[in-house]
């Protein structure tokens, strides 16, 4: 192993060329130095891949966190009226059949709000298309 490390350090400056040549040649048995060079390059590649995958996961977590934070801020700033408030505003000057109209309007506004929330909470485009088709057909 010590011999391999010394040879690895000596060959470091022309390592890339050697590995390319090793990849294209197909000897029956590689020498100890060639095996060490290939092994060290593979280990370095695996370490780099693991590091990049960890960075990608961290970036995805940050993106999801900031997306959720933005949604919460947007929802807090909108202060949309509840279905009952919307109905009350519409029926302020309405006199005939007020109870049945109120019941229908409250149900309508609640249903619309629920559909909007469900559509916004879906993650994939396929689910969103499915929701649209379901609600348009009915």
Protein backbone atom coordinates (compact mmCIF):
# COMPACT_ATOMS: atom_id res chain seq x y z
CA UNK A 1 0.00 0.00 0.00
CA UNK A 2 2.87 2.39 0.80
CA UNK A 3 4.44 1.66 -2.55
CA UNK A 4 1.12 2.45 -4.23
CA UNK A 5 0.88 5.83 -2.47
CA UNK A 6 4.39 6.83 -3.50
CA UNK A 7 3.77 5.86 -7.10
CA UNK A 8 0.41 7.68 -7.00
CA UNK A 9 2.14 10.90 -5.94
CA UNK A 10 4.76 10.53 -8.64
CA UNK A 11 2.17 9.94 -11.33
CA UNK A 12 -0.17 12.70 -10.21
CA UNK A 13 0.83 15.20 -12.92
CA UNK A 14 0.10 12.81 -15.79
CA UNK A 15 -2.74 10.97 -14.12
CA UNK A 16 -5.53 12.06 -16.40
CA UNK A 17 -3.74 10.92 -19.56
CA UNK A 18 -2.88 7.56 -18.02
CA UNK A 19 -6.42 6.87 -16.91
CA UNK A 20 -7.77 7.69 -20.35
CA UNK A 21 -5.26 5.29 -21.86
CA UNK A 22 -6.17 2.65 -19.28
CA UNK A 23 -9.83 2.99 -20.04
CA UNK A 24 -9.32 2.30 -23.72
CA UNK A 25 -6.80 -0.52 -23.43
CA UNK A 26 -7.91 -3.92 -22.26
CA UNK A 27 -4.90 -5.78 -20.87
CA UNK A 28 -5.35 -9.16 -19.32
CA UNK A 29 -3.81 -8.02 -16.01
CA UNK A 30 -3.17 -4.43 -15.00
CA UNK A 31 -0.10 -3.56 -13.01
CA UNK A 32 -0.39 -2.52 -9.37
CA UNK A 33 0.16 1.15 -10.17
CA UNK A 34 -2.58 1.18 -12.79
CA UNK A 35 -5.01 -0.48 -10.39
CA UNK A 36 -4.19 2.10 -7.72
CA UNK A 37 -4.66 4.97 -10.15
CA UNK A 38 -8.03 3.71 -11.32
CA UNK A 39 -9.15 2.93 -7.78
CA UNK A 40 -8.16 6.36 -6.50
CA UNK A 41 -9.95 8.08 -9.37
CA UNK A 42 -13.09 6.05 -8.72
CA UNK A 43 -13.01 6.90 -5.03
CA UNK A 44 -12.56 10.59 -5.82
CA UNK A 45 -15.48 10.47 -8.24
CA UNK A 46 -17.74 8.76 -5.69
CA UNK A 47 -16.80 11.32 -3.05
CA UNK A 48 -17.56 14.17 -5.45
CA UNK A 49 -20.91 12.62 -6.44
CA UNK A 50 -21.90 12.15 -2.78
CA UNK A 51 -20.95 15.75 -1.99
CA UNK A 52 -22.92 17.11 -4.96
CA UNK A 53 -25.97 14.99 -4.07
CA UNK A 54 -25.88 16.36 -0.52
CA UNK A 55 -25.66 19.92 -1.88
CA UNK A 56 -28.60 19.23 -4.21
CA UNK A 57 -30.75 17.92 -1.35
CA UNK A 58 -29.90 20.99 0.74
CA UNK A 59 -30.80 23.28 -2.16
CA UNK A 60 -34.12 21.45 -2.65
CA UNK A 61 -34.93 21.80 1.06
CA UNK A 62 -34.12 25.53 0.95
CA UNK A 63 -36.25 26.02 -2.16
CA UNK A 64 -39.20 24.24 -0.55
CA UNK A 65 -38.78 26.25 2.64
CA UNK A 66 -38.72 29.59 0.82
CA UNK A 67 -41.64 28.57 -1.40
CA UNK A 68 -43.73 27.72 1.66
CA UNK A 69 -42.66 30.96 3.38
CA UNK A 70 -43.72 32.94 0.32
CA UNK A 71 -47.09 31.18 0.22
CA UNK A 72 -47.69 31.96 3.90
CA UNK A 73 -46.76 35.62 3.45
CA UNK A 74 -48.96 35.90 0.38
CA UNK A 75 -51.89 34.31 2.19
CA UNK A 76 -51.42 36.56 5.22
CA UNK A 77 -51.33 39.69 3.07
CA UNK A 78 -54.39 38.78 0.99
CA UNK A 79 -56.83 38.54 3.93
CA UNK A 80 -59.55 37.21 1.65
CA UNK A 81 -63.09 37.21 2.85
CA UNK A 82 -64.70 34.03 4.12
CA UNK A 83 -67.59 32.50 2.19
CA UNK A 84 -70.06 33.85 4.77
CA UNK A 85 -68.66 37.39 4.48
CA UNK A 86 -68.87 37.31 0.70
CA UNK A 87 -72.47 36.12 0.91
CA UNK A 88 -73.39 38.77 3.48
CA UNK A 89 -71.98 41.50 1.25
CA UNK A 90 -73.94 40.25 -1.76
CA UNK A 91 -77.19 39.93 0.16
CA UNK A 92 -77.03 43.31 1.89
CA UNK A 93 -79.85 44.76 -0.24
CA UNK A 94 -81.58 41.52 -1.14
CA UNK A 95 -85.06 40.83 0.21
CA UNK A 96 -86.81 37.83 -1.40
CA UNK A 97 -85.92 34.18 -0.59
CA UNK A 98 -82.94 35.34 1.39
CA UNK A 99 -82.35 32.10 3.32
CA UNK A 100 -82.24 29.74 0.35
CA UNK A 101 -80.07 32.13 -1.65
CA UNK A 102 -77.73 32.59 1.32
CA UNK A 103 -77.37 28.84 1.77
CA UNK A 104 -76.59 28.35 -1.93
CA UNK A 105 -74.09 31.21 -2.06
CA UNK A 106 -72.23 30.08 1.07
CA UNK A 107 -71.96 26.57 -0.36
CA UNK A 108 -70.79 27.97 -3.71
CA UNK A 109 -68.09 30.18 -2.19
CA UNK A 110 -66.90 27.42 0.14
CA UNK A 111 -66.67 24.99 -2.77
CA UNK A 112 -64.75 27.47 -4.93
CA UNK A 113 -62.28 28.20 -2.11
CA UNK A 114 -61.76 24.48 -1.51
CA UNK A 115 -61.11 23.83 -5.20
CA UNK A 116 -58.58 26.69 -5.35
CA UNK A 117 -56.76 25.43 -2.26
CA UNK A 118 -56.62 21.86 -3.54
CA UNK A 119 -55.32 23.04 -6.93
CA UNK A 120 -52.61 25.17 -5.31
CA UNK A 121 -51.52 22.35 -3.00
CA UNK A 122 -50.98 19.83 -5.78
CA UNK A 123 -47.35 19.40 -6.71
CA UNK A 124 -47.34 17.84 -10.15
CA UNK A 125 -48.81 19.10 -13.38
CA UNK A 126 -50.50 15.77 -13.98
CA UNK A 127 -52.50 16.05 -10.75
CA UNK A 128 -53.47 19.60 -11.63
CA UNK A 129 -54.72 18.51 -15.05
CA UNK A 130 -56.64 15.69 -13.41
CA UNK A 131 -58.33 18.12 -11.01
CA UNK A 132 -59.26 20.45 -13.83
CA UNK A 133 -60.77 17.63 -15.87
CA UNK A 134 -62.75 16.33 -12.86
CA UNK A 135 -64.22 19.72 -12.05
CA UNK A 136 -64.94 20.71 -15.63
CA UNK A 137 -66.73 17.45 -16.43
CA UNK A 138 -69.00 17.62 -13.38
